[in-house]
Amino acid sequence: MIEVDTDPPARVDGRAARAERTRAAIVEAHLALIDAGDLRPTGERIAERAGVSLRTLWTNFKDMETLFAATGRRIGERQARIWRPVPPGLPLAARIAEFTGQRARMLEVLAPSARASALREPFSPQLRRNREAAIARVRQEIEAVFGAELAHAGPGRGQLLDAVTVACTWAAWSMMRDAMGLDVEAARAAMARTLHALLTAGRG
């Protein structure tokens, strides 16, 4: 008996590609609504923006938590496109200037989604995981860029790393941009001054 392949690989691949395009369109629609100022977009509005049915949305994402996970990954991809490593061998002032300039650009990319997440994060384990992952990434970069200064702190290394992290993450940026009304360059300069003070404290 000859077995007939009723679902050849090409057809399966085609379906998978269409499904991936649909998921990507939904994620982009979610982000587009947030970027436009809709900080709590509903499933209905996301589906309409993506050009799919509400049923299709929930077929591809079982709930908002899975959509938040995919959206978080997409924001990470946006930031990755503008990230460049800061050479740790540069003088401290140059490292601070390059690092804070890059942080400013990345935080501005994050800004609409961070403001939206703040409204839902108390009720969303996934959004809290997204935030924790973002903090972990910036801590790793701080350790790479300012390793010499952290080592110089000796027993205070962990505390210094915590302090620099606080100065470089969304909470501090939001304070400067949203609460204090600073423009991007003024906020970046304040971040740079904070980092310089922290990283040179205790030096002769």
Foldseek 3Di string as FASTA:
>chain_A
DDDDDPQDPVNVVVVVVVLVVLLVLLLVLVVVCLVVPNLDDDLCSSCVSSVHDSVSVCVSPVDVLSSLLVNLVVLVVVLVVQDDAQDLPDPPLSLLLVVLVSLLVSLVSCPSNVVSCVVCVVPHPSSVVSQVVVLVVVLVSCCRNLVVLLVVVPVCSVVLSVQLSVLRDNVVVCCVCPVVPDDSVVSSVVSSVSNVCSSCPPPD
